[in-house]
C-alpha atoms as a PDB file:
ATOM      1  CA  MET A   1     -79.478 -62.027  36.355  1.00  0.00           C
ATOM      2  CA  VAL A   2     -77.445 -64.117  38.666  1.00  0.00           C
ATOM      3  CA  LEU A   3     -74.205 -62.838  37.723  1.00  0.00           C
ATOM      4  CA  GLY A   4     -75.054 -59.046  37.624  1.00  0.00           C
ATOM      5  CA  GLU A   5     -76.558 -59.811  41.238  1.00  0.00           C
ATOM      6  CA  LYS A   6     -73.188 -61.191  42.537  1.00  0.00           C
ATOM      7  CA  GLN A   7     -71.571 -58.191  41.358  1.00  0.00           C
ATOM      8  CA  MET A   8     -74.076 -56.352  43.380  1.00  0.00           C
ATOM      9  CA  HIS A   9     -73.085 -58.227  46.767  1.00  0.00           C
ATOM     10  CA  ASP A  10     -69.569 -57.887  45.670  1.00  0.00           C
ATOM     11  CA  ARG A  11     -69.726 -54.303  45.482  1.00  0.00           C
ATOM     12  CA  GLU A  12     -71.711 -53.709  48.762  1.00  0.00           C
ATOM     13  CA  LYS A  13     -69.484 -56.171  50.711  1.00  0.00           C
ATOM     14  CA  LYS A  14     -66.433 -53.971  49.703  1.00  0.00           C
ATOM     15  CA  SER A  15     -68.406 -51.046  50.848  1.00  0.00           C
ATOM     16  CA  ILE A  16     -69.166 -52.572  54.008  1.00  0.00           C
ATOM     17  CA  ASP A  17     -65.579 -53.343  54.636  1.00  0.00           C
ATOM     18  CA  GLU A  18     -63.892 -50.087  53.812  1.00  0.00           C
ATOM     19  CA  GLU A  19     -66.070 -48.288  56.323  1.00  0.00           C
ATOM     20  CA  GLU A  20     -65.069 -50.947  58.707  1.00  0.00           C
ATOM     21  CA  LEU A  21     -61.419 -49.870  58.024  1.00  0.00           C
ATOM     22  CA  VAL A  22     -61.963 -46.126  57.909  1.00  0.00           C
ATOM     23  CA  GLU A  23     -63.223 -46.389  61.546  1.00  0.00           C
ATOM     24  CA  ARG A  24     -60.353 -48.572  62.639  1.00  0.00           C
ATOM     25  CA  LEU A  25     -57.932 -45.714  61.405  1.00  0.00           C
ATOM     26  CA  THR A  26     -60.598 -43.730  62.819  1.00  0.00           C
ATOM     27  CA  GLU A  27     -60.118 -44.886  66.525  1.00  0.00           C
ATOM     28  CA  SER A  28     -56.525 -45.560  68.551  1.00  0.00           C
ATOM     29  CA  GLU A  29     -57.219 -47.762  71.731  1.00  0.00           C
ATOM     30  CA  GLY A  30     -57.873 -44.545  73.653  1.00  0.00           C
ATOM     31  CA  ALA A  31     -60.886 -43.694  71.520  1.00  0.00           C
ATOM     32  CA  SER A  32     -59.439 -40.382  70.044  1.00  0.00           C
ATOM     33  CA  PRO A  33     -59.131 -40.076  66.395  1.00  0.00           C
ATOM     34  CA  SER A  34     -55.957 -41.559  64.595  1.00  0.00           C
ATOM     35  CA  ALA A  35     -56.930 -40.004  61.490  1.00  0.00           C
ATOM     36  CA  GLY A  36     -58.816 -37.115  60.148  1.00  0.00           C
ATOM     37  CA  HIS A  37     -62.175 -37.314  59.403  1.00  0.00           C
ATOM     38  CA  ALA A  38     -62.136 -35.235  56.143  1.00  0.00           C
ATOM     39  CA  VAL A  39     -58.293 -35.156  55.533  1.00  0.00           C
ATOM     40  CA  SER A  40     -56.888 -38.723  56.550  1.00  0.00           C
ATOM     41  CA  ASP A  41     -53.469 -36.840  57.421  1.00  0.00           C
ATOM     42  CA  TYR A  42     -54.894 -33.321  58.436  1.00  0.00           C
ATOM     43  CA  PHE A  43     -57.097 -33.113  61.945  1.00  0.00           C
ATOM     44  CA  GLY A  44     -59.510 -30.631  62.849  1.00  0.00           C
ATOM     45  CA  THR A  45     -59.865 -28.703  65.901  1.00  0.00           C
ATOM     46  CA  ASP A  46     -62.162 -31.199  67.154  1.00  0.00           C
ATOM     47  CA  GLU A  47     -60.065 -34.296  66.506  1.00  0.00           C
ATOM     48  CA  ILE A  48     -57.596 -32.489  68.389  1.00  0.00           C
ATOM     49  CA  PHE A  49     -58.836 -31.684  71.034  1.00  0.00           C
ATOM     50  CA  SER A  50     -60.185 -35.036  71.078  1.00  0.00           C
ATOM     51  CA  ARG A  51     -56.518 -36.725  71.282  1.00  0.00           C
ATOM     52  CA  VAL A  52     -55.324 -33.704  73.769  1.00  0.00           C
ATOM     53  CA  VAL A  53     -58.367 -35.471  76.036  1.00  0.00           C
ATOM     54  CA  ALA A  54     -57.536 -38.439  75.795  1.00  0.00           C
ATOM     55  CA  SER A  55     -53.597 -37.719  76.939  1.00  0.00           C
ATOM     56  CA  ALA A  56     -54.847 -36.031  79.631  1.00  0.00           C
ATOM     57  CA  ASP A  57     -57.006 -38.593  80.837  1.00  0.00           C
ATOM     58  CA  GLU A  58     -54.917 -41.018  80.341  1.00  0.00           C
ATOM     59  CA  GLU A  59     -52.838 -38.633  82.822  1.00  0.00           C
ATOM     60  CA  PHE A  60     -56.044 -38.278  85.262  1.00  0.00           C
ATOM     61  CA  GLY A  61     -55.253 -41.858  85.533  1.00  0.00           C
ATOM     62  CA  LYS A  62     -51.956 -42.058  86.916  1.00  0.00           C
ATOM     63  CA  SER A  63     -50.857 -42.569  90.348  1.00  0.00           C
ATOM     64  CA  LYS A  64     -49.035 -39.293  92.435  1.00  0.00           C
ATOM     65  CA  ARG A  65     -46.050 -41.653  92.888  1.00  0.00           C
ATOM     66  CA  LEU A  66     -45.812 -42.441  88.850  1.00  0.00           C
ATOM     67  CA  LEU A  67     -46.563 -38.446  87.814  1.00  0.00           C
ATOM     68  CA  TYR A  68     -44.244 -37.833  90.584  1.00  0.00           C
ATOM     69  CA  PHE A  69     -41.475 -39.720  89.147  1.00  0.00           C
ATOM     70  CA  SER A  70     -42.462 -38.462  85.335  1.00  0.00           C
ATOM     71  CA  GLY A  71     -41.983 -34.953  86.773  1.00  0.00           C
ATOM     72  CA  LEU A  72     -38.915 -35.957  88.324  1.00  0.00           C
ATOM     73  CA  ALA A  73     -37.327 -36.785  84.962  1.00  0.00           C
ATOM     74  CA  ALA A  74     -38.665 -33.896  83.440  1.00  0.00           C
ATOM     75  CA  GLY A  75     -36.977 -31.928  85.786  1.00  0.00           C
ATOM     76  CA  LEU A  76     -33.432 -33.557  85.048  1.00  0.00           C
ATOM     77  CA  SER A  77     -34.155 -33.480  81.546  1.00  0.00           C
ATOM     78  CA  ILE A  78     -34.720 -30.174  81.094  1.00  0.00           C
ATOM     79  CA  GLY A  79     -31.792 -29.301  83.166  1.00  0.00           C
ATOM     80  CA  LEU A  80     -29.845 -30.674  79.797  1.00  0.00           C
ATOM     81  CA  SER A  81     -30.954 -27.425  78.100  1.00  0.00           C
ATOM     82  CA  PHE A  82     -30.038 -25.370  80.639  1.00  0.00           C
ATOM     83  CA  LEU A  83     -26.409 -26.969  80.524  1.00  0.00           C
ATOM     84  CA  ALA A  84     -26.240 -27.240  76.362  1.00  0.00           C
ATOM     85  CA  ARG A  85     -27.424 -23.970  75.684  1.00  0.00           C
ATOM     86  CA  ALA A  86     -24.723 -22.399  78.195  1.00  0.00           C
ATOM     87  CA  THR A  87     -21.574 -25.308  77.004  1.00  0.00           C
ATOM     88  CA  VAL A  88     -22.487 -24.372  72.941  1.00  0.00           C
ATOM     89  CA  THR A  89     -22.583 -20.385  73.773  1.00  0.00           C
ATOM     90  CA  ALA A  90     -19.335 -20.499  75.733  1.00  0.00           C
ATOM     91  CA  GLU A  91     -17.895 -22.354  72.627  1.00  0.00           C
ATOM     92  CA  VAL A  92     -19.429 -20.433  70.159  1.00  0.00           C
ATOM     93  CA  GLY A  93     -19.337 -16.910  71.954  1.00  0.00           C
ATOM     94  CA  PRO A  94     -21.723 -14.450  73.401  1.00  0.00           C
ATOM     95  CA  GLU A  95     -21.912 -12.736  70.648  1.00  0.00           C
ATOM     96  CA  SER A  96     -23.383 -16.068  68.875  1.00  0.00           C
ATOM     97  CA  ALA A  97     -25.708 -16.843  71.685  1.00  0.00           C
ATOM     98  CA  LEU A  98     -28.605 -17.961  68.582  1.00  0.00           C
ATOM     99  CA  ILE A  99     -26.371 -20.822  67.836  1.00  0.00           C
ATOM    100  CA  GLY A 100     -26.163 -21.830  71.887  1.00  0.00           C
ATOM    101  CA  ASN A 101     -30.140 -21.171  71.584  1.00  0.00           C
ATOM    102  CA  LEU A 102     -30.475 -23.871  69.036  1.00  0.00           C
ATOM    103  CA  ILE A 103     -29.603 -26.335  71.372  1.00  0.00           C
ATOM    104  CA  TYR A 104     -32.061 -25.185  74.406  1.00  0.00           C
ATOM    105  CA  PRO A 105     -35.000 -27.427  72.925  1.00  0.00           C
ATOM    106  CA  ILE A 106     -32.923 -30.692  73.651  1.00  0.00           C
ATOM    107  CA  GLY A 107     -34.861 -31.347  76.925  1.00  0.00           C
ATOM    108  CA  PHE A 108     -38.126 -30.302  75.859  1.00  0.00           C
ATOM    109  CA  MET A 109     -37.464 -33.160  73.080  1.00  0.00           C
ATOM    110  CA  LEU A 110     -36.591 -36.051  75.561  1.00  0.00           C
ATOM    111  CA  ILE A 111     -39.102 -34.882  77.495  1.00  0.00           C
ATOM    112  CA  VAL A 112     -42.222 -34.985  74.549  1.00  0.00           C
ATOM    113  CA  LEU A 113     -40.776 -38.188  73.105  1.00  0.00           C
ATOM    114  CA  GLY A 114     -40.368 -39.569  76.186  1.00  0.00           C
ATOM    115  CA  ARG A 115     -44.144 -38.292  77.579  1.00  0.00           C
ATOM    116  CA  TYR A 116     -42.222 -37.134  80.678  1.00  0.00           C
ATOM    117  CA  GLN A 117     -44.428 -34.883  82.519  1.00  0.00           C
ATOM    118  CA  LEU A 118     -43.681 -31.098  82.772  1.00  0.00           C
ATOM    119  CA  PHE A 119     -45.411 -28.489  84.559  1.00  0.00           C
ATOM    120  CA  THR A 120     -45.935 -25.569  81.326  1.00  0.00           C
ATOM    121  CA  GLU A 121     -47.653 -28.700  79.048  1.00  0.00           C
ATOM    122  CA  ASN A 122     -49.820 -29.695  81.898  1.00  0.00           C
ATOM    123  CA  THR A 123     -51.845 -25.943  81.675  1.00  0.00           C
ATOM    124  CA  LEU A 124     -53.198 -27.505  78.742  1.00  0.00           C
ATOM    125  CA  THR A 125     -54.030 -30.981  78.634  1.00  0.00           C
ATOM    126  CA  PRO A 126     -55.759 -31.822  81.824  1.00  0.00           C
ATOM    127  CA  VAL A 127     -56.987 -28.421  81.709  1.00  0.00           C
ATOM    128  CA  THR A 128     -59.099 -29.453  79.076  1.00  0.00           C
ATOM    129  CA  LEU A 129     -61.121 -32.319  81.242  1.00  0.00           C
ATOM    130  CA  VAL A 130     -61.538 -29.796  83.743  1.00  0.00           C
ATOM    131  CA  LEU A 131     -63.056 -27.359  81.991  1.00  0.00           C
ATOM    132  CA  THR A 132     -65.621 -29.787  80.432  1.00  0.00           C
ATOM    133  CA  ARG A 133     -66.194 -30.669  84.025  1.00  0.00           C
ATOM    134  CA  VAL A 134     -64.818 -34.076  83.269  1.00  0.00           C
ATOM    135  CA  ALA A 135     -62.251 -33.544  86.210  1.00  0.00           C
ATOM    136  CA  SER A 136     -62.733 -31.302  89.270  1.00  0.00           C
ATOM    137  CA  VAL A 137     -60.283 -28.337  90.124  1.00  0.00           C
ATOM    138  CA  PRO A 138     -58.672 -29.377  92.956  1.00  0.00           C
ATOM    139  CA  MET A 139     -57.636 -32.761  90.998  1.00  0.00           C
ATOM    140  CA  LEU A 140     -55.930 -30.449  88.462  1.00  0.00           C
ATOM    141  CA  LEU A 141     -54.505 -28.257  91.299  1.00  0.00           C
ATOM    142  CA  SER A 142     -53.170 -31.848  93.073  1.00  0.00           C
ATOM    143  CA  ASN A 143     -51.261 -33.356  89.764  1.00  0.00           C
ATOM    144  CA  TRP A 144     -50.062 -29.702  89.434  1.00  0.00           C
ATOM    145  CA  ALA A 145     -48.327 -29.824  92.766  1.00  0.00           C
ATOM    146  CA  THR A 146     -46.935 -33.595  92.280  1.00  0.00           C
ATOM    147  CA  VAL A 147     -45.707 -32.859  88.790  1.00  0.00           C
ATOM    148  CA  LEU A 148     -44.355 -29.532  89.862  1.00  0.00           C
ATOM    149  CA  ALA A 149     -43.151 -30.834  92.966  1.00  0.00           C
ATOM    150  CA  GLY A 150     -41.137 -33.282  90.734  1.00  0.00           C
ATOM    151  CA  ASN A 151     -39.940 -31.298  88.435  1.00  0.00           C
ATOM    152  CA  LEU A 152     -38.621 -28.958  91.157  1.00  0.00           C
ATOM    153  CA  THR A 153     -36.863 -31.995  92.685  1.00  0.00           C
ATOM    154  CA  GLY A 154     -35.216 -32.644  89.245  1.00  0.00           C
ATOM    155  CA  ALA A 155     -34.089 -29.252  88.349  1.00  0.00           C
ATOM    156  CA  LEU A 156     -32.106 -28.972  91.686  1.00  0.00           C
ATOM    157  CA  ILE A 157     -30.765 -32.157  91.346  1.00  0.00           C
ATOM    158  CA  MET A 158     -28.933 -30.571  88.154  1.00  0.00           C
ATOM    159  CA  GLY A 159     -28.364 -26.995  89.895  1.00  0.00           C
ATOM    160  CA  LEU A 160     -26.233 -29.044  92.280  1.00  0.00           C
ATOM    161  CA  VAL A 161     -24.706 -31.557  89.611  1.00  0.00           C
ATOM    162  CA  MET A 162     -23.554 -28.239  87.701  1.00  0.00           C
ATOM    163  CA  ALA A 163     -22.210 -25.924  90.446  1.00  0.00           C
ATOM    164  CA  THR A 164     -20.569 -28.510  92.338  1.00  0.00           C
ATOM    165  CA  SER A 165     -19.442 -31.613  89.857  1.00  0.00           C
ATOM    166  CA  GLY A 166     -16.998 -29.902  87.542  1.00  0.00           C
ATOM    167  CA  VAL A 167     -19.672 -30.312  84.658  1.00  0.00           C
ATOM    168  CA  LEU A 168     -19.361 -27.258  83.271  1.00  0.00           C
ATOM    169  CA  GLY A 169     -16.187 -24.989  82.170  1.00  0.00           C
ATOM    170  CA  THR A 170     -14.753 -21.883  83.017  1.00  0.00           C
ATOM    171  CA  GLU A 171     -16.024 -20.194  80.284  1.00  0.00           C
ATOM    172  CA  ALA A 172     -19.547 -22.269  80.242  1.00  0.00           C
ATOM    173  CA  ALA A 173     -20.188 -21.461  84.145  1.00  0.00           C
ATOM    174  CA  GLU A 174     -19.757 -17.686  83.288  1.00  0.00           C
ATOM    175  CA  VAL A 175     -22.220 -18.018  80.509  1.00  0.00           C
ATOM    176  CA  ALA A 176     -24.382 -19.961  83.461  1.00  0.00           C
ATOM    177  CA  VAL A 177     -24.540 -17.211  85.789  1.00  0.00           C
ATOM    178  CA  GLY A 178     -24.657 -14.597  83.456  1.00  0.00           C
ATOM    179  CA  PHE A 179     -28.370 -16.212  82.019  1.00  0.00           C
ATOM    180  CA  GLY A 180     -29.315 -16.657  85.643  1.00  0.00           C
ATOM    181  CA  GLU A 181     -27.837 -12.724  86.311  1.00  0.00           C
ATOM    182  CA  HIS A 182     -29.752 -11.521  83.748  1.00  0.00           C
ATOM    183  CA  GLY A 183     -33.032 -13.002  85.130  1.00  0.00           C
ATOM    184  CA  LEU A 184     -32.919 -11.720  88.264  1.00  0.00           C
ATOM    185  CA  GLU A 185     -31.980  -8.207  86.670  1.00  0.00           C
ATOM    186  CA  LEU A 186     -35.540  -7.972  85.354  1.00  0.00           C
ATOM    187  CA  GLY A 187     -38.504  -6.192  87.320  1.00  0.00           C
ATOM    188  CA  TRP A 188     -41.340  -8.545  88.639  1.00  0.00           C
ATOM    189  CA  SER A 189     -43.928  -7.688  85.717  1.00  0.00           C
ATOM    190  CA  THR A 190     -41.698  -8.407  82.706  1.00  0.00           C
ATOM    191  CA  LEU A 191     -40.818 -11.846  83.831  1.00  0.00           C
ATOM    192  CA  PHE A 192     -44.609 -12.127  84.437  1.00  0.00           C
ATOM    193  CA  VAL A 193     -45.601 -10.820  80.501  1.00  0.00           C
ATOM    194  CA  LYS A 194     -42.696 -12.700  79.248  1.00  0.00           C
ATOM    195  CA  GLY A 195     -43.508 -16.216  81.738  1.00  0.00           C
ATOM    196  CA  ILE A 196     -46.823 -15.463  79.550  1.00  0.00           C
ATOM    197  CA  ILE A 197     -46.021 -15.075  76.517  1.00  0.00           C
ATOM    198  CA  ALA A 198     -43.237 -18.344  76.917  1.00  0.00           C
ATOM    199  CA  GLY A 199     -46.614 -20.635  78.559  1.00  0.00           C
ATOM    200  CA  TRP A 200     -48.422 -19.840  75.091  1.00  0.00           C
ATOM    201  CA  ILE A 201     -45.773 -20.997  73.207  1.00  0.00           C
ATOM    202  CA  VAL A 202     -45.172 -24.239  75.198  1.00  0.00           C
ATOM    203  CA  ALA A 203     -48.985 -24.593  75.545  1.00  0.00           C
ATOM    204  CA  SER A 204     -49.554 -24.314  71.518  1.00  0.00           C
ATOM    205  CA  MET A 205     -46.651 -26.704  71.641  1.00  0.00           C
ATOM    206  CA  VAL A 206     -48.521 -29.224  73.180  1.00  0.00           C
ATOM    207  CA  TRP A 207     -51.643 -28.423  70.775  1.00  0.00           C
ATOM    208  CA  LEU A 208     -49.541 -28.969  67.533  1.00  0.00           C
ATOM    209  CA  VAL A 209     -47.565 -32.349  68.938  1.00  0.00           C
ATOM    210  CA  HIS A 210     -51.452 -33.822  69.436  1.00  0.00           C
ATOM    211  CA  ALA A 211     -52.210 -32.331  65.840  1.00  0.00           C
ATOM    212  CA  ALA A 212     -48.697 -34.592  64.104  1.00  0.00           C
ATOM    213  CA  GLN A 213     -48.782 -38.051  62.969  1.00  0.00           C
ATOM    214  CA  ASP A 214     -44.993 -39.062  63.114  1.00  0.00           C
ATOM    215  CA  THR A 215     -41.989 -38.218  65.360  1.00  0.00           C
ATOM    216  CA  ILE A 216     -39.953 -36.509  62.714  1.00  0.00           C
ATOM    217  CA  SER A 217     -43.136 -33.859  62.920  1.00  0.00           C
ATOM    218  CA  ARG A 218     -43.150 -33.353  66.558  1.00  0.00           C
ATOM    219  CA  ILE A 219     -39.503 -33.010  66.586  1.00  0.00           C
ATOM    220  CA  PHE A 220     -39.312 -30.523  63.732  1.00  0.00           C
ATOM    221  CA  ILE A 221     -42.801 -28.137  66.240  1.00  0.00           C
ATOM    222  CA  VAL A 222     -40.726 -28.756  69.358  1.00  0.00           C
ATOM    223  CA  PHE A 223     -37.472 -27.116  68.012  1.00  0.00           C
ATOM    224  CA  LEU A 224     -39.114 -24.343  66.074  1.00  0.00           C
ATOM    225  CA  LEU A 225     -41.698 -23.606  69.073  1.00  0.00           C
ATOM    226  CA  MET A 226     -38.728 -23.947  71.868  1.00  0.00           C
ATOM    227  CA  PHE A 227     -35.856 -22.056  69.886  1.00  0.00           C
ATOM    228  CA  LEU A 228     -38.517 -18.973  70.282  1.00  0.00           C
ATOM    229  CA  ILE A 229     -38.028 -19.041  73.882  1.00  0.00           C
ATOM    230  CA  PRO A 230     -34.763 -17.770  74.445  1.00  0.00           C
ATOM    231  CA  SER A 231     -33.919 -15.966  71.337  1.00  0.00           C
ATOM    232  CA  ALA A 232     -37.106 -13.684  71.869  1.00  0.00           C
ATOM    233  CA  ASP A 233     -35.911 -13.212  75.951  1.00  0.00           C
ATOM    234  CA  LEU A 234     -38.728 -15.150  77.335  1.00  0.00           C
ATOM    235  CA  PHE A 235     -38.772 -17.240  80.489  1.00  0.00           C
ATOM    236  CA  HIS A 236     -39.428 -21.102  81.259  1.00  0.00           C
ATOM    237  CA  CYS A 237     -40.117 -21.706  85.211  1.00  0.00           C
ATOM    238  CA  ILE A 238     -38.217 -25.372  85.355  1.00  0.00           C
ATOM    239  CA  ILE A 239     -35.628 -23.847  83.252  1.00  0.00           C
ATOM    240  CA  GLY A 240     -35.442 -20.715  84.791  1.00  0.00           C
ATOM    241  CA  ALA A 241     -35.488 -23.443  88.360  1.00  0.00           C
ATOM    242  CA  CYS A 242     -32.589 -24.735  87.391  1.00  0.00           C
ATOM    243  CA  GLU A 243     -31.002 -21.677  86.850  1.00  0.00           C
ATOM    244  CA  MET A 244     -31.485 -20.145  90.161  1.00  0.00           C
ATOM    245  CA  PHE A 245     -31.004 -23.652  91.813  1.00  0.00           C
ATOM    246  CA  TYR A 246     -27.449 -23.174  90.378  1.00  0.00           C
ATOM    247  CA  MET A 247     -26.747 -19.815  91.239  1.00  0.00           C
ATOM    248  CA  MET A 248     -27.773 -20.357  94.709  1.00  0.00           C
ATOM    249  CA  PHE A 249     -25.146 -23.465  95.052  1.00  0.00           C
ATOM    250  CA  GLU A 250     -22.515 -21.444  93.685  1.00  0.00           C
ATOM    251  CA  GLY A 251     -23.503 -18.706  96.456  1.00  0.00           C
ATOM    252  CA  LEU A 252     -24.558 -15.581  94.278  1.00  0.00           C
ATOM    253  CA  THR A 253     -28.183 -15.543  95.244  1.00  0.00           C
ATOM    254  CA  THR A 254     -30.740 -16.663  97.721  1.00  0.00           C
ATOM    255  CA  PHE A 255     -33.270 -19.214  97.493  1.00  0.00           C
ATOM    256  CA  SER A 256     -35.690 -15.681  98.819  1.00  0.00           C
ATOM    257  CA  GLU A 257     -34.676 -13.422  95.942  1.00  0.00           C
ATOM    258  CA  GLY A 258     -34.686 -17.193  93.543  1.00  0.00           C
ATOM    259  CA  THR A 259     -37.792 -17.565  94.425  1.00  0.00           C
ATOM    260  CA  PHE A 260     -39.970 -14.285  94.831  1.00  0.00           C
ATOM    261  CA  SER A 261     -38.052 -12.064  92.440  1.00  0.00           C
ATOM    262  CA  PHE A 262     -37.710 -14.467  89.512  1.00  0.00           C
ATOM    263  CA  PHE A 263     -39.438 -18.166  89.781  1.00  0.00           C
ATOM    264  CA  LEU A 264     -42.499 -16.916  90.742  1.00  0.00           C
ATOM    265  CA  PRO A 265     -43.376 -14.100  88.322  1.00  0.00           C
ATOM    266  CA  VAL A 266     -42.497 -16.490  86.164  1.00  0.00           C
ATOM    267  CA  LEU A 267     -44.374 -19.770  87.061  1.00  0.00           C
ATOM    268  CA  LEU A 268     -47.395 -17.505  87.218  1.00  0.00           C
ATOM    269  CA  GLY A 269     -46.333 -16.031  83.529  1.00  0.00           C
ATOM    270  CA  ASN A 270     -46.564 -19.928  82.027  1.00  0.00           C
ATOM    271  CA  THR A 271     -49.469 -21.000  83.855  1.00  0.00           C
ATOM    272  CA  LEU A 272     -51.747 -17.908  82.752  1.00  0.00           C
ATOM    273  CA  GLY A 273     -50.610 -18.272  79.084  1.00  0.00           C
ATOM    274  CA  GLY A 274     -50.722 -21.726  78.913  1.00  0.00           C
ATOM    275  CA  VAL A 275     -54.477 -21.890  80.207  1.00  0.00           C
ATOM    276  CA  THR A 276     -56.138 -18.677  79.294  1.00  0.00           C
ATOM    277  CA  LEU A 277     -54.252 -17.985  76.038  1.00  0.00           C
ATOM    278  CA  VAL A 278     -54.211 -21.906  74.492  1.00  0.00           C
ATOM    279  CA  ALA A 279     -56.334 -24.245  76.851  1.00  0.00           C
ATOM    280  CA  ILE A 280     -59.440 -22.174  77.123  1.00  0.00           C
ATOM    281  CA  LEU A 281     -59.292 -20.422  73.434  1.00  0.00           C
ATOM    282  CA  ASN A 282     -58.630 -23.787  71.763  1.00  0.00           C
ATOM    283  CA  PHE A 283     -61.330 -25.291  74.450  1.00  0.00           C
ATOM    284  CA  ALA A 284     -63.905 -23.039  72.972  1.00  0.00           C
ATOM    285  CA  GLN A 285     -63.454 -23.994  68.811  1.00  0.00           C
ATOM    286  CA  THR A 286     -65.002 -27.383  70.165  1.00  0.00           C
ATOM    287  CA  GLN A 287     -67.874 -28.594  70.025  1.00  0.00           C
ATOM    288  CA  GLU A 288     -66.572 -30.590  72.833  1.00  0.00           C
ATOM    289  CA  HIS A 289     -66.182 -34.318  71.381  1.00  0.00           C
ATOM    290  CA  LEU A 290     -64.938 -35.870  74.706  1.00  0.00           C
ATOM    291  CA  ILE A 291     -63.441 -39.303  74.720  1.00  0.00           C
ATOM    292  CA  ALA A 292     -64.657 -41.423  77.602  1.00  0.00           C
ATOM    293  CA  ARG A 293     -63.248 -44.369  79.225  1.00  0.00           C
ATOM    294  CA  THR A 294     -65.791 -46.714  77.685  1.00  0.00           C
ATOM    295  CA  LYS A 295     -67.605 -45.331  74.156  1.00  0.00           C
ATOM    296  CA  GLY A 296     -70.732 -44.903  76.245  1.00  0.00           C
ATOM    297  CA  ASP A 297     -72.230 -41.373  77.385  1.00  0.00           C
ATOM    298  CA  ILE A 298     -69.744 -38.857  79.038  1.00  0.00           C
ATOM    299  CA  VAL A 299     -70.700 -38.197  82.419  1.00  0.00           C
ATOM    300  CA  ARG A 300     -70.388 -35.048  83.983  1.00  0.00           C
ATOM    301  CA  LEU A 301     -68.921 -33.900  87.875  1.00  0.00           C
ATOM    302  CA  THR A 302     -71.721 -32.027  89.569  1.00  0.00           C
ATOM    303  CA  TRP A 303     -70.644 -28.405  89.914  1.00  0.00           C
ATOM    304  CA  ARG A 304     -69.959 -29.411  94.211  1.00  0.00           C
ATOM    305  CA  GLN A 305     -67.756 -31.878  92.656  1.00  0.00           C
ATOM    306  CA  TRP A 306     -66.427 -30.266  90.165  1.00  0.00           C
ATOM    307  CA  LEU A 307     -65.010 -26.947  92.378  1.00  0.00           C
ATOM    308  CA  THR A 308     -64.669 -29.524  95.620  1.00  0.00           C
ATOM    309  CA  GLY A 309     -63.708 -32.763  95.687  1.00  0.00           C
ATOM    310  CA  PHE A 310     -61.373 -35.030  94.248  1.00  0.00           C
ATOM    311  CA  TYR A 311     -63.186 -36.915  91.485  1.00  0.00           C
ATOM    312  CA  THR A 312     -62.790 -37.699  87.792  1.00  0.00           C
ATOM    313  CA  TYR A 313     -65.045 -39.420  85.331  1.00  0.00           C
ATOM    314  CA  GLY A 314     -65.280 -43.281  86.131  1.00  0.00           C
ATOM    315  CA  SER A 315     -63.715 -42.249  90.210  1.00  0.00           C
ATOM    316  CA  ASP A 316     -67.558 -42.336  91.156  1.00  0.00           C
ATOM    317  CA  LYS A 317     -69.731 -42.764  88.968  1.00  0.00           C
ATOM    318  CA  LYS A 318     -73.113 -43.167  91.003  1.00  0.00           C
ATOM    319  CA  ASP A 319     -72.497 -39.479  92.321  1.00  0.00           C
ATOM    320  CA  VAL A 320     -72.521 -37.900  88.653  1.00  0.00           C
ATOM    321  CA  GLU A 321     -74.488 -35.510  87.489  1.00  0.00           C
ATOM    322  CA  GLY A 322     -75.599 -36.727  83.929  1.00  0.00           C
ATOM    323  CA  THR A 323     -74.628 -36.722  80.677  1.00  0.00           C
ATOM    324  CA  ALA A 324     -72.486 -34.970  78.101  1.00  0.00           C
ATOM    325  CA  THR A 325     -74.914 -33.423  75.211  1.00  0.00           C
END
């Protein structure tokens, strides 16, 4: 009998230890799941959403200075996609443009793996906290403006370097000009629709990157989805801005033409595609298993704070409306 009781005690202890191990594996430092609930290496929609929210919470916690310089790094990195694509396309010939498109994702890989801030990625992550009334609309717009300013500064620097330093050979420069001219030839509505699809692809990439658990998987996701953008003749606003700055420094377009005839419709399209087709639709599938900075209840902003104030959860807890259900 004593032996039987000892065996039962050992089994109970082992079961408790296993439960503790599972609990540790399924919660990271930021309280987001690091393993799936049903299948350890496969996340459900709610679990992916929780990981996205954890990233968004981290972004909202950064100072404007850090966001700007992270955005600057992203703008410089994304310019490498323009540079590399033009160079490779010139080497293989315009008739083999798909080979040049293979190098297009390089800037996005640097951004994703380096955790830089790219505006089109921000149409997904911080929006999740705004949709759940954990962060306010003005805070989102402020973050967007800061990241976009950093991205455009980096794109301007890359456009200037490519136009004035001789880093592009003669043939590569002709190809780069061709990219810019092609964008300016298209109408406002065409660019807007192409921008929507491109924004959808980029935000989907961010969603899937949060679903992946290893670097190799993330690289493959970034490569495959970003390869689709130039191959399907779509447009990304920050790479497009780099192309327009290049054209401007080459004296082939004006700031006004590049901004209003190309950049603005692509920017609006990218934003709408990311927010509407991914952030909202993916949010609608979840059960709002939110992540807070503590393991307590989630506190929502009041509607007034959500619409007019500069708040995120934890920034002013004494004026919040209540707890999430």
